[in-house]
């Protein structure tokens, strides 16, 4: 698998590295931010996925996950032209597959290749791998949840939906939704959130976790946070530190090896 490294100067204190993979004969790329501090226990890993028509550079500018969690390896993967379900039916703009099996699972294969590289190049904590994304990137976060549940400790989709919410494996999750979203309607997002709460075995009543955020505790150890804001489809500026806080509070637990 040919790999190309190219450093990009991003700012005075954050310097991502661009890396390229060949996946089924197609060149794919991502920006990787190395952890500012290394730990013997291994670094957490956070994947951030842009929306339809977006790109990895804008995702990094918007999400800024590495600024809120400098100890983490942060990865911004780049989508490729994809037919959209809500806009761009001809698929002229970059995006992500919407379901398992769609587009030859090209983006799941891309994710697998990136994760394999991270394991080879970094000392990572495999109990602290996370995914978040906005809009179509949030939808792909749900696809990863359905397809690769054992890889991740928690998820945080934003302004997104899922047609497979009832098939998900219980996992800690935060969902971010705007009450006035004209593209991914709030009513539909609420149905997904309600389904995730049921799957996760959450309490009916929640408690305040942060401003605009309600925490629903879970008997399965898979809590759910609903971050509801009054805005539209735009990614909320308050989201990144809250996403990082939620991820930091949730570590994957693994069963002890049989004796």
C-alpha atoms as a PDB file:
ATOM      1  CA  UNK A   1       0.000   0.000   0.000  1.00  0.00           C
ATOM      2  CA  UNK A   2       1.908   3.127  -1.182  1.00  0.00           C
ATOM      3  CA  UNK A   3       2.039   5.850   1.452  1.00  0.00           C
ATOM      4  CA  UNK A   4       3.039   9.488   1.028  1.00  0.00           C
ATOM      5  CA  UNK A   5       3.945  11.775   3.917  1.00  0.00           C
ATOM      6  CA  UNK A   6       3.810  15.541   3.520  1.00  0.00           C
ATOM      7  CA  UNK A   7       3.988  18.008   6.399  1.00  0.00           C
ATOM      8  CA  UNK A   8       1.651  20.993   6.250  1.00  0.00           C
ATOM      9  CA  UNK A   9       2.266  24.030   8.407  1.00  0.00           C
ATOM     10  CA  UNK A  10      -1.122  24.803   9.955  1.00  0.00           C
ATOM     11  CA  UNK A  11      -0.407  27.211  12.768  1.00  0.00           C
ATOM     12  CA  UNK A  12       2.312  28.149  15.176  1.00  0.00           C
ATOM     13  CA  UNK A  13       1.445  25.365  17.584  1.00  0.00           C
ATOM     14  CA  UNK A  14      -0.379  22.716  15.526  1.00  0.00           C
ATOM     15  CA  UNK A  15       1.255  21.010  12.565  1.00  0.00           C
ATOM     16  CA  UNK A  16      -0.755  18.224  10.946  1.00  0.00           C
ATOM     17  CA  UNK A  17       0.730  15.681   8.614  1.00  0.00           C
ATOM     18  CA  UNK A  18      -0.971  14.728   5.371  1.00  0.00           C
ATOM     19  CA  UNK A  19      -0.862  11.038   4.563  1.00  0.00           C
ATOM     20  CA  UNK A  20      -2.100   9.165   1.512  1.00  0.00           C
ATOM     21  CA  UNK A  21      -3.398   5.613   1.041  1.00  0.00           C
ATOM     22  CA  UNK A  22      -4.406   3.626  -2.028  1.00  0.00           C
ATOM     23  CA  UNK A  23      -7.759   1.945  -1.361  1.00  0.00           C
ATOM     24  CA  UNK A  24      -9.151  -0.231  -4.153  1.00  0.00           C
ATOM     25  CA  UNK A  25      -7.008   1.722  -6.613  1.00  0.00           C
ATOM     26  CA  UNK A  26      -8.229   5.133  -5.413  1.00  0.00           C
ATOM     27  CA  UNK A  27      -5.935   7.628  -3.698  1.00  0.00           C
ATOM     28  CA  UNK A  28      -7.322   8.638  -0.307  1.00  0.00           C
ATOM     29  CA  UNK A  29      -5.897  11.151   2.146  1.00  0.00           C
ATOM     30  CA  UNK A  30      -6.159  12.360   5.720  1.00  0.00           C
ATOM     31  CA  UNK A  31      -4.615  14.900   8.059  1.00  0.00           C
ATOM     32  CA  UNK A  32      -3.086  13.453  11.207  1.00  0.00           C
ATOM     33  CA  UNK A  33      -2.233  15.536  14.260  1.00  0.00           C
ATOM     34  CA  UNK A  34       0.351  13.935  16.490  1.00  0.00           C
ATOM     35  CA  UNK A  35      -0.175  14.144  20.254  1.00  0.00           C
ATOM     36  CA  UNK A  36       1.574  17.069  21.924  1.00  0.00           C
ATOM     37  CA  UNK A  37       2.403  14.807  24.858  1.00  0.00           C
ATOM     38  CA  UNK A  38       3.205  11.118  24.761  1.00  0.00           C
ATOM     39  CA  UNK A  39       2.160   8.609  27.388  1.00  0.00           C
ATOM     40  CA  UNK A  40       3.384   5.131  28.230  1.00  0.00           C
ATOM     41  CA  UNK A  41      -0.277   4.100  28.374  1.00  0.00           C
ATOM     42  CA  UNK A  42      -0.786   5.070  24.739  1.00  0.00           C
ATOM     43  CA  UNK A  43      -2.587   7.997  23.139  1.00  0.00           C
ATOM     44  CA  UNK A  44      -6.335   8.235  22.617  1.00  0.00           C
ATOM     45  CA  UNK A  45      -7.450   8.535  18.981  1.00  0.00           C
ATOM     46  CA  UNK A  46     -10.223  10.798  17.693  1.00  0.00           C
ATOM     47  CA  UNK A  47     -11.579  10.672  14.126  1.00  0.00           C
ATOM     48  CA  UNK A  48     -13.390  13.770  12.824  1.00  0.00           C
ATOM     49  CA  UNK A  49     -15.497  13.562   9.637  1.00  0.00           C
ATOM     50  CA  UNK A  50     -16.519  16.561   7.530  1.00  0.00           C
ATOM     51  CA  UNK A  51     -19.963  16.976   6.023  1.00  0.00           C
ATOM     52  CA  UNK A  52     -21.053  16.570   2.401  1.00  0.00           C
ATOM     53  CA  UNK A  53     -19.176  19.061   0.259  1.00  0.00           C
ATOM     54  CA  UNK A  54     -16.601  19.652   2.976  1.00  0.00           C
ATOM     55  CA  UNK A  55     -12.979  18.680   3.302  1.00  0.00           C
ATOM     56  CA  UNK A  56     -10.452  17.593   5.913  1.00  0.00           C
ATOM     57  CA  UNK A  57      -8.856  21.032   6.190  1.00  0.00           C
ATOM     58  CA  UNK A  58     -12.115  22.804   6.959  1.00  0.00           C
ATOM     59  CA  UNK A  59     -13.010  20.036   9.397  1.00  0.00           C
ATOM     60  CA  UNK A  60      -9.781  20.667  11.273  1.00  0.00           C
ATOM     61  CA  UNK A  61     -10.420  24.416  11.341  1.00  0.00           C
ATOM     62  CA  UNK A  62     -13.965  23.887  12.590  1.00  0.00           C
ATOM     63  CA  UNK A  63     -13.621  20.985  15.015  1.00  0.00           C
ATOM     64  CA  UNK A  64     -10.224  21.885  16.536  1.00  0.00           C
ATOM     65  CA  UNK A  65     -10.313  18.656  18.528  1.00  0.00           C
ATOM     66  CA  UNK A  66      -6.540  18.636  18.945  1.00  0.00           C
ATOM     67  CA  UNK A  67      -6.674  21.980  20.783  1.00  0.00           C
ATOM     68  CA  UNK A  68      -9.082  20.563  23.339  1.00  0.00           C
ATOM     69  CA  UNK A  69      -7.293  17.216  23.666  1.00  0.00           C
ATOM     70  CA  UNK A  70      -3.593  17.745  22.916  1.00  0.00           C
ATOM     71  CA  UNK A  71      -2.697  14.289  24.250  1.00  0.00           C
ATOM     72  CA  UNK A  72      -4.750  12.617  21.489  1.00  0.00           C
ATOM     73  CA  UNK A  73      -3.929  11.524  17.966  1.00  0.00           C
ATOM     74  CA  UNK A  74      -6.544  13.375  15.910  1.00  0.00           C
ATOM     75  CA  UNK A  75      -7.420  12.291  12.376  1.00  0.00           C
ATOM     76  CA  UNK A  76      -9.373  14.231   9.769  1.00  0.00           C
ATOM     77  CA  UNK A  77     -10.123  11.937   6.829  1.00  0.00           C
ATOM     78  CA  UNK A  78     -11.040  13.249   3.375  1.00  0.00           C
ATOM     79  CA  UNK A  79     -14.186  12.098   1.607  1.00  0.00           C
ATOM     80  CA  UNK A  80     -14.494  11.737  -2.180  1.00  0.00           C
ATOM     81  CA  UNK A  81     -17.354  12.530  -4.621  1.00  0.00           C
ATOM     82  CA  UNK A  82     -20.523  10.870  -3.349  1.00  0.00           C
ATOM     83  CA  UNK A  83     -24.220  11.188  -4.296  1.00  0.00           C
ATOM     84  CA  UNK A  84     -26.011  12.938  -1.450  1.00  0.00           C
ATOM     85  CA  UNK A  85     -29.350  11.885  -0.049  1.00  0.00           C
ATOM     86  CA  UNK A  86     -30.514  15.433   0.663  1.00  0.00           C
ATOM     87  CA  UNK A  87     -28.463  17.457  -1.834  1.00  0.00           C
ATOM     88  CA  UNK A  88     -26.088  16.814  -4.764  1.00  0.00           C
ATOM     89  CA  UNK A  89     -27.773  13.685  -6.187  1.00  0.00           C
ATOM     90  CA  UNK A  90     -25.215  13.572  -9.018  1.00  0.00           C
ATOM     91  CA  UNK A  91     -22.403  13.132  -6.515  1.00  0.00           C
ATOM     92  CA  UNK A  92     -20.172  16.004  -7.603  1.00  0.00           C
ATOM     93  CA  UNK A  93     -19.147  16.887  -4.064  1.00  0.00           C
ATOM     94  CA  UNK A  94     -17.094  15.030  -1.475  1.00  0.00           C
ATOM     95  CA  UNK A  95     -18.818  12.870   1.099  1.00  0.00           C
ATOM     96  CA  UNK A  96     -19.131   9.470   2.750  1.00  0.00           C
ATOM     97  CA  UNK A  97     -21.064   6.257   2.186  1.00  0.00           C
ATOM     98  CA  UNK A  98     -24.479   6.249   3.871  1.00  0.00           C
ATOM     99  CA  UNK A  99     -24.871   2.548   4.700  1.00  0.00           C
ATOM    100  CA  UNK A 100     -22.884  -0.650   5.047  1.00  0.00           C
ATOM    101  CA  UNK A 101     -22.355  -2.118   1.568  1.00  0.00           C
ATOM    102  CA  UNK A 102     -22.861   1.160  -0.263  1.00  0.00           C
ATOM    103  CA  UNK A 103     -20.149   2.375  -2.683  1.00  0.00           C
ATOM    104  CA  UNK A 104     -18.333  -0.933  -2.261  1.00  0.00           C
ATOM    105  CA  UNK A 105     -17.719  -0.067   1.388  1.00  0.00           C
ATOM    106  CA  UNK A 106     -14.947   2.204   0.117  1.00  0.00           C
ATOM    107  CA  UNK A 107     -15.000   4.471   3.190  1.00  0.00           C
ATOM    108  CA  UNK A 108     -15.067   1.605   5.683  1.00  0.00           C
ATOM    109  CA  UNK A 109     -12.040   0.144   3.887  1.00  0.00           C
ATOM    110  CA  UNK A 110     -10.383   3.569   4.037  1.00  0.00           C
ATOM    111  CA  UNK A 111     -11.045   3.770   7.764  1.00  0.00           C
ATOM    112  CA  UNK A 112      -9.597   0.299   8.296  1.00  0.00           C
ATOM    113  CA  UNK A 113      -6.440   1.300   6.390  1.00  0.00           C
ATOM    114  CA  UNK A 114      -6.022   4.491   8.406  1.00  0.00           C
ATOM    115  CA  UNK A 115      -6.496   2.698  11.722  1.00  0.00           C
ATOM    116  CA  UNK A 116      -3.940   0.054  10.742  1.00  0.00           C
ATOM    117  CA  UNK A 117      -1.437   2.807   9.977  1.00  0.00           C
ATOM    118  CA  UNK A 118      -2.073   4.516  13.301  1.00  0.00           C
ATOM    119  CA  UNK A 119      -1.437   1.263  15.147  1.00  0.00           C
ATOM    120  CA  UNK A 120       1.838   0.854  13.270  1.00  0.00           C
ATOM    121  CA  UNK A 121       3.040   4.443  13.627  1.00  0.00           C
ATOM    122  CA  UNK A 122       1.894   5.385  17.141  1.00  0.00           C
ATOM    123  CA  UNK A 123       1.516   3.846  20.540  1.00  0.00           C
ATOM    124  CA  UNK A 124      -2.246   4.190  20.888  1.00  0.00           C
ATOM    125  CA  UNK A 125      -4.697   3.210  23.588  1.00  0.00           C
ATOM    126  CA  UNK A 126      -7.125   0.887  21.832  1.00  0.00           C
ATOM    127  CA  UNK A 127      -9.649   1.389  24.635  1.00  0.00           C
ATOM    128  CA  UNK A 128      -9.871   5.084  23.747  1.00  0.00           C
ATOM    129  CA  UNK A 129     -10.774   5.342  20.071  1.00  0.00           C
ATOM    130  CA  UNK A 130     -13.587   7.752  19.180  1.00  0.00           C
ATOM    131  CA  UNK A 131     -15.488   9.122  16.182  1.00  0.00           C
ATOM    132  CA  UNK A 132     -17.398  12.331  15.593  1.00  0.00           C
ATOM    133  CA  UNK A 133     -18.700  14.016  12.471  1.00  0.00           C
ATOM    134  CA  UNK A 134     -21.064  16.671  11.171  1.00  0.00           C
ATOM    135  CA  UNK A 135     -24.016  16.109   8.821  1.00  0.00           C
ATOM    136  CA  UNK A 136     -22.966  13.433   6.280  1.00  0.00           C
ATOM    137  CA  UNK A 137     -19.875  12.949   8.453  1.00  0.00           C
ATOM    138  CA  UNK A 138     -22.177  12.376  11.399  1.00  0.00           C
ATOM    139  CA  UNK A 139     -24.090   9.868   9.315  1.00  0.00           C
ATOM    140  CA  UNK A 140     -20.830   8.072   8.577  1.00  0.00           C
ATOM    141  CA  UNK A 141     -20.105   8.097  12.302  1.00  0.00           C
ATOM    142  CA  UNK A 142     -23.318   6.080  12.697  1.00  0.00           C
ATOM    143  CA  UNK A 143     -22.177   3.757   9.873  1.00  0.00           C
ATOM    144  CA  UNK A 144     -18.909   3.145  11.729  1.00  0.00           C
ATOM    145  CA  UNK A 145     -20.885   2.484  14.902  1.00  0.00           C
ATOM    146  CA  UNK A 146     -22.939  -0.148  13.095  1.00  0.00           C
ATOM    147  CA  UNK A 147     -20.023  -1.696  11.201  1.00  0.00           C
ATOM    148  CA  UNK A 148     -17.125  -1.440  13.683  1.00  0.00           C
ATOM    149  CA  UNK A 149     -18.672  -1.241  17.171  1.00  0.00           C
ATOM    150  CA  UNK A 150     -15.880  -3.161  18.892  1.00  0.00           C
ATOM    151  CA  UNK A 151     -13.262  -0.651  17.733  1.00  0.00           C
ATOM    152  CA  UNK A 152     -14.734   2.386  19.472  1.00  0.00           C
ATOM    153  CA  UNK A 153     -15.230   3.605  23.011  1.00  0.00           C
ATOM    154  CA  UNK A 154     -17.827   6.288  22.158  1.00  0.00           C
ATOM    155  CA  UNK A 155     -19.389   8.313  19.344  1.00  0.00           C
ATOM    156  CA  UNK A 156     -20.571  11.912  18.854  1.00  0.00           C
ATOM    157  CA  UNK A 157     -22.530  12.511  15.619  1.00  0.00           C
ATOM    158  CA  UNK A 158     -23.821  16.016  14.896  1.00  0.00           C
ATOM    159  CA  UNK A 159     -26.748  17.146  12.699  1.00  0.00           C
ATOM    160  CA  UNK A 160     -27.145  13.604  11.395  1.00  0.00           C
ATOM    161  CA  UNK A 161     -29.516  10.701  11.151  1.00  0.00           C
ATOM    162  CA  UNK A 162     -29.381   6.931  10.925  1.00  0.00           C
ATOM    163  CA  UNK A 163     -31.779   4.438   9.365  1.00  0.00           C
ATOM    164  CA  UNK A 164     -30.222   1.669  11.440  1.00  0.00           C
ATOM    165  CA  UNK A 165     -30.352   3.090  14.957  1.00  0.00           C
ATOM    166  CA  UNK A 166     -32.233   0.082  16.326  1.00  0.00           C
ATOM    167  CA  UNK A 167     -29.483  -2.247  15.037  1.00  0.00           C
ATOM    168  CA  UNK A 168     -26.656  -0.477  16.854  1.00  0.00           C
ATOM    169  CA  UNK A 169     -24.571  -2.113  19.563  1.00  0.00           C
ATOM    170  CA  UNK A 170     -24.925  -0.248  22.891  1.00  0.00           C
ATOM    171  CA  UNK A 171     -22.152   2.357  23.143  1.00  0.00           C
ATOM    172  CA  UNK A 172     -21.708   5.669  24.960  1.00  0.00           C
ATOM    173  CA  UNK A 173     -22.874   8.425  22.625  1.00  0.00           C
ATOM    174  CA  UNK A 174     -23.539  12.130  22.356  1.00  0.00           C
ATOM    175  CA  UNK A 175     -25.834  13.460  19.632  1.00  0.00           C
ATOM    176  CA  UNK A 176     -25.799  17.165  18.738  1.00  0.00           C
ATOM    177  CA  UNK A 177     -28.913  18.575  17.072  1.00  0.00           C
ATOM    178  CA  UNK A 178     -30.271  21.996  16.139  1.00  0.00           C
ATOM    179  CA  UNK A 179     -33.957  22.573  16.791  1.00  0.00           C
ATOM    180  CA  UNK A 180     -34.191  24.669  13.608  1.00  0.00           C
ATOM    181  CA  UNK A 181     -32.148  22.454  11.298  1.00  0.00           C
ATOM    182  CA  UNK A 182     -33.730  22.879   7.824  1.00  0.00           C
ATOM    183  CA  UNK A 183     -31.745  20.054   6.242  1.00  0.00           C
ATOM    184  CA  UNK A 184     -31.717  17.183   8.740  1.00  0.00           C
ATOM    185  CA  UNK A 185     -35.015  17.857  10.457  1.00  0.00           C
ATOM    186  CA  UNK A 186     -34.976  17.913  14.251  1.00  0.00           C
ATOM    187  CA  UNK A 187     -37.978  15.580  14.449  1.00  0.00           C
ATOM    188  CA  UNK A 188     -36.053  12.908  12.590  1.00  0.00           C
ATOM    189  CA  UNK A 189     -32.962  13.405  14.717  1.00  0.00           C
ATOM    190  CA  UNK A 190     -35.096  13.100  17.843  1.00  0.00           C
ATOM    191  CA  UNK A 191     -36.364   9.713  16.661  1.00  0.00           C
ATOM    192  CA  UNK A 192     -32.757   8.557  16.272  1.00  0.00           C
ATOM    193  CA  UNK A 193     -31.823   9.872  19.711  1.00  0.00           C
ATOM    194  CA  UNK A 194     -34.810   8.145  21.297  1.00  0.00           C
ATOM    195  CA  UNK A 195     -33.834   4.865  19.584  1.00  0.00           C
ATOM    196  CA  UNK A 196     -30.231   5.148  20.798  1.00  0.00           C
ATOM    197  CA  UNK A 197     -31.414   5.766  24.345  1.00  0.00           C
ATOM    198  CA  UNK A 198     -33.520   2.603  24.189  1.00  0.00           C
ATOM    199  CA  UNK A 199     -30.670   0.547  22.734  1.00  0.00           C
ATOM    200  CA  UNK A 200     -28.312   1.909  25.388  1.00  0.00           C
ATOM    201  CA  UNK A 201     -30.673   1.052  28.254  1.00  0.00           C
ATOM    202  CA  UNK A 202     -30.830   4.658  29.413  1.00  0.00           C
ATOM    203  CA  UNK A 203     -32.994   6.141  32.153  1.00  0.00           C
ATOM    204  CA  UNK A 204     -36.189   7.862  31.060  1.00  0.00           C
ATOM    205  CA  UNK A 205     -35.281  11.039  32.922  1.00  0.00           C
ATOM    206  CA  UNK A 206     -32.039  12.869  32.325  1.00  0.00           C
ATOM    207  CA  UNK A 207     -29.989  15.359  34.296  1.00  0.00           C
ATOM    208  CA  UNK A 208     -28.117  18.455  33.194  1.00  0.00           C
ATOM    209  CA  UNK A 209     -24.573  17.571  32.113  1.00  0.00           C
ATOM    210  CA  UNK A 210     -23.583  20.935  30.619  1.00  0.00           C
ATOM    211  CA  UNK A 211     -25.398  23.949  29.176  1.00  0.00           C
ATOM    212  CA  UNK A 212     -27.884  22.600  26.648  1.00  0.00           C
ATOM    213  CA  UNK A 213     -26.822  19.020  27.364  1.00  0.00           C
ATOM    214  CA  UNK A 214     -28.890  16.328  29.075  1.00  0.00           C
ATOM    215  CA  UNK A 215     -27.231  13.168  30.367  1.00  0.00           C
ATOM    216  CA  UNK A 216     -29.205   9.924  30.391  1.00  0.00           C
ATOM    217  CA  UNK A 217     -27.472   7.356  32.567  1.00  0.00           C
ATOM    218  CA  UNK A 218     -27.456   3.737  31.491  1.00  0.00           C
ATOM    219  CA  UNK A 219     -27.764   0.437  33.303  1.00  0.00           C
ATOM    220  CA  UNK A 220     -25.445  -0.990  30.625  1.00  0.00           C
ATOM    221  CA  UNK A 221     -22.695   1.544  31.247  1.00  0.00           C
ATOM    222  CA  UNK A 222     -23.508   3.220  27.922  1.00  0.00           C
ATOM    223  CA  UNK A 223     -24.714   6.740  28.772  1.00  0.00           C
ATOM    224  CA  UNK A 224     -26.240   9.096  26.235  1.00  0.00           C
ATOM    225  CA  UNK A 225     -25.928  12.874  26.105  1.00  0.00           C
ATOM    226  CA  UNK A 226     -28.383  14.925  24.050  1.00  0.00           C
ATOM    227  CA  UNK A 227     -26.885  18.299  23.131  1.00  0.00           C
ATOM    228  CA  UNK A 228     -29.848  20.307  21.844  1.00  0.00           C
ATOM    229  CA  UNK A 229     -29.287  23.870  20.652  1.00  0.00           C
ATOM    230  CA  UNK A 230     -31.605  26.468  19.120  1.00  0.00           C
ATOM    231  CA  UNK A 231     -29.578  26.846  15.937  1.00  0.00           C
ATOM    232  CA  UNK A 232     -29.832  25.367  12.479  1.00  0.00           C
ATOM    233  CA  UNK A 233     -27.648  22.925  10.534  1.00  0.00           C
ATOM    234  CA  UNK A 234     -24.446  24.823  11.280  1.00  0.00           C
ATOM    235  CA  UNK A 235     -21.881  23.129  13.496  1.00  0.00           C
ATOM    236  CA  UNK A 236     -22.107  24.806  16.931  1.00  0.00           C
ATOM    237  CA  UNK A 237     -18.969  26.471  18.275  1.00  0.00           C
ATOM    238  CA  UNK A 238     -19.671  25.037  21.734  1.00  0.00           C
ATOM    239  CA  UNK A 239     -19.491  21.448  20.477  1.00  0.00           C
ATOM    240  CA  UNK A 240     -15.746  20.588  20.396  1.00  0.00           C
ATOM    241  CA  UNK A 241     -14.888  20.966  24.109  1.00  0.00           C
ATOM    242  CA  UNK A 242     -18.080  19.153  25.097  1.00  0.00           C
ATOM    243  CA  UNK A 243     -17.372  16.307  22.680  1.00  0.00           C
ATOM    244  CA  UNK A 244     -13.858  15.947  24.078  1.00  0.00           C
ATOM    245  CA  UNK A 245     -15.175  16.023  27.642  1.00  0.00           C
ATOM    246  CA  UNK A 246     -17.671  13.270  26.818  1.00  0.00           C
ATOM    247  CA  UNK A 247     -14.997  11.158  25.165  1.00  0.00           C
ATOM    248  CA  UNK A 248     -12.654  11.617  28.115  1.00  0.00           C
ATOM    249  CA  UNK A 249     -15.386  10.396  30.447  1.00  0.00           C
ATOM    250  CA  UNK A 250     -15.977   7.191  28.469  1.00  0.00           C
ATOM    251  CA  UNK A 251     -13.332   4.505  28.022  1.00  0.00           C
ATOM    252  CA  UNK A 252     -14.019   1.162  26.372  1.00  0.00           C
ATOM    253  CA  UNK A 253     -14.143  -1.666  28.855  1.00  0.00           C
ATOM    254  CA  UNK A 254     -12.958  -5.086  27.765  1.00  0.00           C
ATOM    255  CA  UNK A 255     -13.768  -8.408  29.335  1.00  0.00           C
ATOM    256  CA  UNK A 256     -10.838 -10.102  31.132  1.00  0.00           C
ATOM    257  CA  UNK A 257      -9.155 -12.914  29.255  1.00  0.00           C
ATOM    258  CA  UNK A 258     -10.381 -16.402  30.112  1.00  0.00           C
ATOM    259  CA  UNK A 259      -8.165 -18.251  32.570  1.00  0.00           C
END
